[in-house]
Every structure is written in C-alpha cells, then in structure tokens.
PDB file of all heavy atoms in Angstrom:
ATOM      1  N   LEU A   1      -8.703  -5.965   5.054  1.00  0.00           N
ATOM      2  CA  LEU A   1      -7.885  -4.800   4.726  1.00  0.00           C
ATOM      3  C   LEU A   1      -6.489  -5.206   4.257  1.00  0.00           C
ATOM      4  O   LEU A   1      -5.971  -4.673   3.271  1.00  0.00           O
ATOM      5  CB  LEU A   1      -7.766  -3.881   5.944  1.00  0.00           C
ATOM      6  CG  LEU A   1      -8.991  -3.073   6.359  1.00  0.00           C
ATOM      7  CD1 LEU A   1      -8.673  -2.251   7.599  1.00  0.00           C
ATOM      8  CD2 LEU A   1      -9.458  -2.168   5.232  1.00  0.00           C
ATOM      9  N   LEU A   2      -5.880  -6.151   4.966  1.00  0.00           N
ATOM     10  CA  LEU A   2      -4.519  -6.571   4.642  1.00  0.00           C
ATOM     11  C   LEU A   2      -4.447  -7.223   3.268  1.00  0.00           C
ATOM     12  O   LEU A   2      -3.529  -6.957   2.485  1.00  0.00           O
ATOM     13  CB  LEU A   2      -4.005  -7.528   5.712  1.00  0.00           C
ATOM     14  CG  LEU A   2      -3.589  -6.890   7.037  1.00  0.00           C
ATOM     15  CD1 LEU A   2      -3.476  -7.940   8.135  1.00  0.00           C
ATOM     16  CD2 LEU A   2      -2.261  -6.133   6.883  1.00  0.00           C
ATOM     17  N   TRP A   3      -5.409  -8.088   2.944  1.00  0.00           N
ATOM     18  CA  TRP A   3      -5.356  -8.756   1.654  1.00  0.00           C
ATOM     19  C   TRP A   3      -5.672  -7.804   0.505  1.00  0.00           C
ATOM     20  O   TRP A   3      -5.107  -7.929  -0.593  1.00  0.00           O
ATOM     21  CB  TRP A   3      -6.280  -9.974   1.633  1.00  0.00           C
ATOM     22  CG  TRP A   3      -5.533 -11.209   2.008  1.00  0.00           C
ATOM     23  CD1 TRP A   3      -5.592 -11.902   3.174  1.00  0.00           C
ATOM     24  CD2 TRP A   3      -4.548 -11.873   1.208  1.00  0.00           C
ATOM     25  NE1 TRP A   3      -4.715 -12.955   3.159  1.00  0.00           N
ATOM     26  CE2 TRP A   3      -4.065 -12.963   1.965  1.00  0.00           C
ATOM     27  CE3 TRP A   3      -4.023 -11.653  -0.058  1.00  0.00           C
ATOM     28  CZ2 TRP A   3      -3.086 -13.829   1.482  1.00  0.00           C
ATOM     29  CZ3 TRP A   3      -3.050 -12.516  -0.544  1.00  0.00           C
ATOM     30  CH2 TRP A   3      -2.599 -13.594   0.219  1.00  0.00           C
ATOM     31  N   LYS A   4      -6.535  -6.848   0.732  1.00  0.00           N
ATOM     32  CA  LYS A   4      -6.792  -5.843  -0.296  1.00  0.00           C
ATOM     33  C   LYS A   4      -5.528  -5.017  -0.545  1.00  0.00           C
ATOM     34  O   LYS A   4      -5.201  -4.673  -1.695  1.00  0.00           O
ATOM     35  CB  LYS A   4      -7.951  -4.952   0.126  1.00  0.00           C
ATOM     36  CG  LYS A   4      -9.313  -5.641   0.085  1.00  0.00           C
ATOM     37  CD  LYS A   4     -10.403  -4.732   0.612  1.00  0.00           C
ATOM     38  CE  LYS A   4     -11.728  -5.464   0.702  1.00  0.00           C
ATOM     39  NZ  LYS A   4     -12.288  -5.814  -0.616  1.00  0.00           N
ATOM     40  N   GLN A   5      -4.793  -4.728   0.536  1.00  0.00           N
ATOM     41  CA  GLN A   5      -3.534  -3.997   0.385  1.00  0.00           C
ATOM     42  C   GLN A   5      -2.501  -4.850  -0.351  1.00  0.00           C
ATOM     43  O   GLN A   5      -1.744  -4.349  -1.192  1.00  0.00           O
ATOM     44  CB  GLN A   5      -2.995  -3.582   1.750  1.00  0.00           C
ATOM     45  CG  GLN A   5      -1.740  -2.725   1.674  1.00  0.00           C
ATOM     46  CD  GLN A   5      -1.242  -2.275   3.044  1.00  0.00           C
ATOM     47  OE1 GLN A   5      -1.843  -2.587   4.066  1.00  0.00           O
ATOM     48  NE2 GLN A   5      -0.146  -1.545   3.059  1.00  0.00           N
ATOM     49  N   HIS A   6      -2.481  -6.138  -0.044  1.00  0.00           N
ATOM     50  CA  HIS A   6      -1.563  -7.059  -0.712  1.00  0.00           C
ATOM     51  C   HIS A   6      -1.812  -7.081  -2.224  1.00  0.00           C
ATOM     52  O   HIS A   6      -0.862  -6.994  -3.022  1.00  0.00           O
ATOM     53  CB  HIS A   6      -1.745  -8.461  -0.128  1.00  0.00           C
ATOM     54  CG  HIS A   6      -0.927  -9.521  -0.804  1.00  0.00           C
ATOM     55  ND1 HIS A   6       0.289  -9.940  -0.319  1.00  0.00           N
ATOM     56  CD2 HIS A   6      -1.150 -10.233  -1.947  1.00  0.00           C
ATOM     57  CE1 HIS A   6       0.780 -10.869  -1.130  1.00  0.00           C
ATOM     58  NE2 HIS A   6      -0.075 -11.069  -2.116  1.00  0.00           N
ATOM     59  N   LEU A   7      -3.070  -7.207  -2.613  1.00  0.00           N
ATOM     60  CA  LEU A   7      -3.401  -7.262  -4.035  1.00  0.00           C
ATOM     61  C   LEU A   7      -3.055  -5.948  -4.735  1.00  0.00           C
ATOM     62  O   LEU A   7      -2.550  -5.956  -5.867  1.00  0.00           O
ATOM     63  CB  LEU A   7      -4.887  -7.580  -4.212  1.00  0.00           C
ATOM     64  CG  LEU A   7      -5.330  -8.975  -3.753  1.00  0.00           C
ATOM     65  CD1 LEU A   7      -6.847  -9.109  -3.862  1.00  0.00           C
ATOM     66  CD2 LEU A   7      -4.645 -10.061  -4.567  1.00  0.00           C
ATOM     67  N   ALA A   8      -3.292  -4.832  -4.053  1.00  0.00           N
ATOM     68  CA  ALA A   8      -2.955  -3.529  -4.631  1.00  0.00           C
ATOM     69  C   ALA A   8      -1.442  -3.384  -4.789  1.00  0.00           C
ATOM     70  O   ALA A   8      -0.954  -2.825  -5.781  1.00  0.00           O
ATOM     71  CB  ALA A   8      -3.507  -2.414  -3.747  1.00  0.00           C
ATOM     72  N   TYR A   9      -0.699  -3.914  -3.823  1.00  0.00           N
ATOM     73  CA  TYR A   9       0.767  -3.852  -3.862  1.00  0.00           C
ATOM     74  C   TYR A   9       1.301  -4.593  -5.084  1.00  0.00           C
ATOM     75  O   TYR A   9       2.134  -4.072  -5.836  1.00  0.00           O
ATOM     76  CB  TYR A   9       1.324  -4.468  -2.576  1.00  0.00           C
ATOM     77  CG  TYR A   9       2.815  -4.706  -2.575  1.00  0.00           C
ATOM     78  CD1 TYR A   9       3.714  -3.687  -2.267  1.00  0.00           C
ATOM     79  CD2 TYR A   9       3.329  -5.976  -2.852  1.00  0.00           C
ATOM     80  CE1 TYR A   9       5.085  -3.913  -2.254  1.00  0.00           C
ATOM     81  CE2 TYR A   9       4.696  -6.217  -2.831  1.00  0.00           C
ATOM     82  CZ  TYR A   9       5.571  -5.173  -2.537  1.00  0.00           C
ATOM     83  OH  TYR A   9       6.931  -5.415  -2.527  1.00  0.00           O
ATOM     84  N   TYR A  10       0.811  -5.813  -5.299  1.00  0.00           N
ATOM     85  CA  TYR A  10       1.319  -6.597  -6.422  1.00  0.00           C
ATOM     86  C   TYR A  10       0.749  -6.134  -7.760  1.00  0.00           C
ATOM     87  O   TYR A  10       1.394  -6.306  -8.802  1.00  0.00           O
ATOM     88  CB  TYR A  10       1.060  -8.087  -6.199  1.00  0.00           C
ATOM     89  CG  TYR A  10       2.223  -8.746  -5.504  1.00  0.00           C
ATOM     90  CD1 TYR A  10       2.137  -9.169  -4.183  1.00  0.00           C
ATOM     91  CD2 TYR A  10       3.438  -8.921  -6.156  1.00  0.00           C
ATOM     92  CE1 TYR A  10       3.222  -9.754  -3.543  1.00  0.00           C
ATOM     93  CE2 TYR A  10       4.532  -9.511  -5.522  1.00  0.00           C
ATOM     94  CZ  TYR A  10       4.419  -9.919  -4.221  1.00  0.00           C
ATOM     95  OH  TYR A  10       5.499 -10.485  -3.594  1.00  0.00           O
ATOM     96  N   GLU A  11      -0.428  -5.555  -7.753  1.00  0.00           N
ATOM     97  CA  GLU A  11      -0.949  -4.988  -8.998  1.00  0.00           C
ATOM     98  C   GLU A  11      -0.037  -3.873  -9.486  1.00  0.00           C
ATOM     99  O   GLU A  11       0.207  -3.732 -10.694  1.00  0.00           O
ATOM    100  CB  GLU A  11      -2.364  -4.447  -8.796  1.00  0.00           C
ATOM    101  CG  GLU A  11      -2.959  -3.875 -10.072  1.00  0.00           C
ATOM    102  CD  GLU A  11      -4.379  -3.394  -9.903  1.00  0.00           C
ATOM    103  OE1 GLU A  11      -5.033  -3.781  -8.912  1.00  0.00           O
ATOM    104  OE2 GLU A  11      -4.853  -2.626 -10.758  1.00  0.00           O
ATOM    105  N   ALA A  12       0.483  -3.082  -8.531  1.00  0.00           N
ATOM    106  CA  ALA A  12       1.401  -2.002  -8.893  1.00  0.00           C
ATOM    107  C   ALA A  12       2.788  -2.538  -9.251  1.00  0.00           C
ATOM    108  O   ALA A  12       3.483  -1.971 -10.100  1.00  0.00           O
ATOM    109  CB  ALA A  12       1.510  -1.009  -7.736  1.00  0.00           C
ATOM    110  N   LYS A  13       3.188  -3.651  -8.625  1.00  0.00           N
ATOM    111  CA  LYS A  13       4.536  -4.189  -8.818  1.00  0.00           C
ATOM    112  C   LYS A  13       4.660  -5.008 -10.097  1.00  0.00           C
ATOM    113  O   LYS A  13       5.710  -4.963 -10.765  1.00  0.00           O
ATOM    114  CB  LYS A  13       4.919  -5.050  -7.609  1.00  0.00           C
ATOM    115  CG  LYS A  13       6.352  -5.552  -7.639  1.00  0.00           C
ATOM    116  CD  LYS A  13       6.701  -6.247  -6.325  1.00  0.00           C
ATOM    117  CE  LYS A  13       8.158  -6.693  -6.323  1.00  0.00           C
ATOM    118  NZ  LYS A  13       8.552  -7.317  -5.038  1.00  0.00           N
ATOM    119  N   LEU A  14       3.612  -5.742 -10.453  1.00  0.00           N
ATOM    120  CA  LEU A  14       3.667  -6.616 -11.618  1.00  0.00           C
ATOM    121  C   LEU A  14       3.156  -5.881 -12.863  1.00  0.00           C
ATOM    122  O   LEU A  14       2.320  -4.988 -12.769  1.00  0.00           O
ATOM    123  CB  LEU A  14       2.820  -7.867 -11.384  1.00  0.00           C
ATOM    124  CG  LEU A  14       3.231  -8.751 -10.197  1.00  0.00           C
ATOM    125  CD1 LEU A  14       2.236  -9.884 -10.030  1.00  0.00           C
ATOM    126  CD2 LEU A  14       4.639  -9.286 -10.371  1.00  0.00           C
ATOM    127  N   ASN A  15       3.652  -6.293 -13.992  1.00  0.00           N
ATOM    128  CA  ASN A  15       3.227  -5.700 -15.258  1.00  0.00           C
ATOM    129  C   ASN A  15       1.995  -6.457 -15.762  1.00  0.00           C
ATOM    130  O   ASN A  15       2.092  -7.364 -16.590  1.00  0.00           O
ATOM    131  CB  ASN A  15       4.364  -5.771 -16.283  1.00  0.00           C
ATOM    132  CG  ASN A  15       4.012  -5.067 -17.580  1.00  0.00           C
ATOM    133  OD1 ASN A  15       3.173  -4.161 -17.594  1.00  0.00           O
ATOM    134  ND2 ASN A  15       4.629  -5.496 -18.672  1.00  0.00           N
ATOM    135  N   LEU A  16       0.823  -6.076 -15.254  1.00  0.00           N
ATOM    136  CA  LEU A  16      -0.404  -6.807 -15.542  1.00  0.00           C
ATOM    137  C   LEU A  16      -1.204  -6.117 -16.646  1.00  0.00           C
ATOM    138  O   LEU A  16      -1.166  -4.892 -16.789  1.00  0.00           O
ATOM    139  CB  LEU A  16      -1.263  -6.905 -14.280  1.00  0.00           C
ATOM    140  CG  LEU A  16      -0.605  -7.560 -13.056  1.00  0.00           C
ATOM    141  CD1 LEU A  16      -1.585  -7.590 -11.894  1.00  0.00           C
ATOM    142  CD2 LEU A  16      -0.112  -8.972 -13.380  1.00  0.00           C
ATOM    143  N   ASN A  17      -1.953  -6.923 -17.392  1.00  0.00           N
ATOM    144  CA  ASN A  17      -2.813  -6.361 -18.421  1.00  0.00           C
ATOM    145  C   ASN A  17      -4.188  -6.022 -17.823  1.00  0.00           C
ATOM    146  O   ASN A  17      -4.464  -6.304 -16.646  1.00  0.00           O
ATOM    147  CB  ASN A  17      -2.950  -7.315 -19.611  1.00  0.00           C
ATOM    148  CG  ASN A  17      -3.523  -8.673 -19.217  1.00  0.00           C
ATOM    149  OD1 ASN A  17      -4.435  -8.778 -18.405  1.00  0.00           O
ATOM    150  ND2 ASN A  17      -2.969  -9.740 -19.807  1.00  0.00           N
ATOM    151  N   ASP A  18      -5.046  -5.442 -18.627  1.00  0.00           N
ATOM    152  CA  ASP A  18      -6.347  -4.986 -18.135  1.00  0.00           C
ATOM    153  C   ASP A  18      -7.208  -6.144 -17.641  1.00  0.00           C
ATOM    154  O   ASP A  18      -7.932  -6.012 -16.643  1.00  0.00           O
ATOM    155  CB  ASP A  18      -7.095  -4.233 -19.241  1.00  0.00           C
ATOM    156  CG  ASP A  18      -6.461  -2.884 -19.557  1.00  0.00           C
ATOM    157  OD1 ASP A  18      -5.681  -2.387 -18.716  1.00  0.00           O
ATOM    158  OD2 ASP A  18      -6.736  -2.338 -20.645  1.00  0.00           O
ATOM    159  N   GLN A  19      -7.136  -7.284 -18.312  1.00  0.00           N
ATOM    160  CA  GLN A  19      -7.925  -8.448 -17.895  1.00  0.00           C
ATOM    161  C   GLN A  19      -7.469  -8.955 -16.533  1.00  0.00           C
ATOM    162  O   GLN A  19      -8.293  -9.320 -15.679  1.00  0.00           O
ATOM    163  CB  GLN A  19      -7.807  -9.558 -18.939  1.00  0.00           C
ATOM    164  CG  GLN A  19      -8.755 -10.728 -18.698  1.00  0.00           C
ATOM    165  CD  GLN A  19      -8.670 -11.795 -19.776  1.00  0.00           C
ATOM    166  OE1 GLN A  19      -7.752 -11.794 -20.598  1.00  0.00           O
ATOM    167  NE2 GLN A  19      -9.617 -12.711 -19.790  1.00  0.00           N
ATOM    168  N   GLN A  20      -6.177  -8.981 -16.314  1.00  0.00           N
ATOM    169  CA  GLN A  20      -5.648  -9.409 -15.015  1.00  0.00           C
ATOM    170  C   GLN A  20      -6.042  -8.436 -13.910  1.00  0.00           C
ATOM    171  O   GLN A  20      -6.403  -8.847 -12.799  1.00  0.00           O
ATOM    172  CB  GLN A  20      -4.127  -9.537 -15.102  1.00  0.00           C
ATOM    173  CG  GLN A  20      -3.648 -10.698 -15.970  1.00  0.00           C
ATOM    174  CD  GLN A  20      -2.151 -10.656 -16.209  1.00  0.00           C
ATOM    175  OE1 GLN A  20      -1.573  -9.591 -16.448  1.00  0.00           O
ATOM    176  NE2 GLN A  20      -1.516 -11.820 -16.155  1.00  0.00           N
ATOM    177  N   LYS A  21      -5.973  -7.154 -14.208  1.00  0.00           N
ATOM    178  CA  LYS A  21      -6.351  -6.143 -13.215  1.00  0.00           C
ATOM    179  C   LYS A  21      -7.830  -6.234 -12.856  1.00  0.00           C
ATOM    180  O   LYS A  21      -8.208  -6.081 -11.690  1.00  0.00           O
ATOM    181  CB  LYS A  21      -6.019  -4.750 -13.738  1.00  0.00           C
ATOM    182  CG  LYS A  21      -4.530  -4.465 -13.848  1.00  0.00           C
ATOM    183  CD  LYS A  21      -4.267  -3.078 -14.422  1.00  0.00           C
ATOM    184  CE  LYS A  21      -2.769  -2.803 -14.540  1.00  0.00           C
ATOM    185  NZ  LYS A  21      -2.508  -1.467 -15.137  1.00  0.00           N
ATOM    186  N   GLU A  22      -8.657  -6.493 -13.835  1.00  0.00           N
ATOM    187  CA  GLU A  22     -10.094  -6.647 -13.582  1.00  0.00           C
ATOM    188  C   GLU A  22     -10.354  -7.866 -12.709  1.00  0.00           C
ATOM    189  O   GLU A  22     -11.213  -7.837 -11.817  1.00  0.00           O
ATOM    190  CB  GLU A  22     -10.839  -6.781 -14.905  1.00  0.00           C
ATOM    191  CG  GLU A  22     -12.347  -6.952 -14.757  1.00  0.00           C
ATOM    192  CD  GLU A  22     -13.021  -5.796 -14.043  1.00  0.00           C
ATOM    193  OE1 GLU A  22     -12.530  -4.638 -14.148  1.00  0.00           O
ATOM    194  OE2 GLU A  22     -14.039  -6.051 -13.364  1.00  0.00           O
ATOM    195  N   PHE A  23      -9.590  -8.937 -12.941  1.00  0.00           N
ATOM    196  CA  PHE A  23      -9.721 -10.136 -12.116  1.00  0.00           C
ATOM    197  C   PHE A  23      -9.365  -9.827 -10.663  1.00  0.00           C
ATOM    198  O   PHE A  23     -10.048 -10.264  -9.738  1.00  0.00           O
ATOM    199  CB  PHE A  23      -8.816 -11.247 -12.660  1.00  0.00           C
ATOM    200  CG  PHE A  23      -8.919 -12.540 -11.902  1.00  0.00           C
ATOM    201  CD1 PHE A  23      -9.915 -13.459 -12.200  1.00  0.00           C
ATOM    202  CD2 PHE A  23      -8.028 -12.842 -10.885  1.00  0.00           C
ATOM    203  CE1 PHE A  23     -10.009 -14.656 -11.491  1.00  0.00           C
ATOM    204  CE2 PHE A  23      -8.116 -14.027 -10.178  1.00  0.00           C
ATOM    205  CZ  PHE A  23      -9.110 -14.944 -10.485  1.00  0.00           C
ATOM    206  N   LEU A  24      -8.299  -9.072 -10.452  1.00  0.00           N
ATOM    207  CA  LEU A  24      -7.893  -8.727  -9.084  1.00  0.00           C
ATOM    208  C   LEU A  24      -8.953  -7.882  -8.380  1.00  0.00           C
ATOM    209  O   LEU A  24      -9.135  -7.996  -7.164  1.00  0.00           O
ATOM    210  CB  LEU A  24      -6.561  -7.979  -9.096  1.00  0.00           C
ATOM    211  CG  LEU A  24      -5.331  -8.789  -9.532  1.00  0.00           C
ATOM    212  CD1 LEU A  24      -4.066  -7.970  -9.312  1.00  0.00           C
ATOM    213  CD2 LEU A  24      -5.235 -10.109  -8.777  1.00  0.00           C
ATOM    214  N   LYS A  25      -9.665  -7.057  -9.109  1.00  0.00           N
ATOM    215  CA  LYS A  25     -10.756  -6.282  -8.515  1.00  0.00           C
ATOM    216  C   LYS A  25     -11.852  -7.208  -8.008  1.00  0.00           C
ATOM    217  O   LYS A  25     -12.425  -6.991  -6.937  1.00  0.00           O
ATOM    218  CB  LYS A  25     -11.327  -5.297  -9.532  1.00  0.00           C
ATOM    219  CG  LYS A  25     -10.416  -4.130  -9.862  1.00  0.00           C
ATOM    220  CD  LYS A  25     -11.076  -3.191 -10.884  1.00  0.00           C
ATOM    221  CE  LYS A  25     -10.155  -2.035 -11.227  1.00  0.00           C
ATOM    222  NZ  LYS A  25     -10.762  -1.135 -12.246  1.00  0.00           N
ATOM    223  N   ARG A  26     -12.129  -8.252  -8.774  1.00  0.00           N
ATOM    224  CA  ARG A  26     -13.148  -9.223  -8.368  1.00  0.00           C
ATOM    225  C   ARG A  26     -12.686 -10.022  -7.153  1.00  0.00           C
ATOM    226  O   ARG A  26     -13.478 -10.313  -6.248  1.00  0.00           O
ATOM    227  CB  ARG A  26     -13.469 -10.150  -9.533  1.00  0.00           C
ATOM    228  CG  ARG A  26     -14.128  -9.448 -10.724  1.00  0.00           C
ATOM    229  CD  ARG A  26     -14.254 -10.385 -11.904  1.00  0.00           C
ATOM    230  NE  ARG A  26     -15.076 -11.553 -11.582  1.00  0.00           N
ATOM    231  CZ  ARG A  26     -15.086 -12.665 -12.289  1.00  0.00           C
ATOM    232  NH1 ARG A  26     -14.287 -12.798 -13.341  1.00  0.00           N
ATOM    233  NH2 ARG A  26     -15.870 -13.665 -11.945  1.00  0.00           N
ATOM    234  N   VAL A  27     -11.412 -10.377  -7.122  1.00  0.00           N
ATOM    235  CA  VAL A  27     -10.871 -11.088  -5.955  1.00  0.00           C
ATOM    236  C   VAL A  27     -10.947 -10.189  -4.715  1.00  0.00           C
ATOM    237  O   VAL A  27     -11.338 -10.628  -3.632  1.00  0.00           O
ATOM    238  CB  VAL A  27      -9.415 -11.531  -6.201  1.00  0.00           C
ATOM    239  CG1 VAL A  27      -8.824 -12.141  -4.938  1.00  0.00           C
ATOM    240  CG2 VAL A  27      -9.350 -12.528  -7.351  1.00  0.00           C
ATOM    241  N   SER A  28     -10.568  -8.929  -4.884  1.00  0.00           N
ATOM    242  CA  SER A  28     -10.601  -7.981  -3.764  1.00  0.00           C
ATOM    243  C   SER A  28     -12.018  -7.835  -3.218  1.00  0.00           C
ATOM    244  O   SER A  28     -12.227  -7.766  -2.001  1.00  0.00           O
ATOM    245  CB  SER A  28     -10.065  -6.626  -4.228  1.00  0.00           C
ATOM    246  OG  SER A  28      -9.985  -5.714  -3.145  1.00  0.00           O
TER     247      SER A  28
END
C-alpha cells in the first residue's frame, strides 16, 4: 500500500509522459 501511494504521489508531482506513467502502473 505504501509503495503504491509513493508512486502515485510522484506521478502527480513529476511532469511525466504517457510512456513513463504506463511504466509506473506496471511497477505498481
């Protein structure tokens, strides 16, 4: 739960493109 929240926090904070966001979904 904590790491999924961490990734969501930085996804919102960083200016990421669609490919990066898709990668974070796979990591989550």
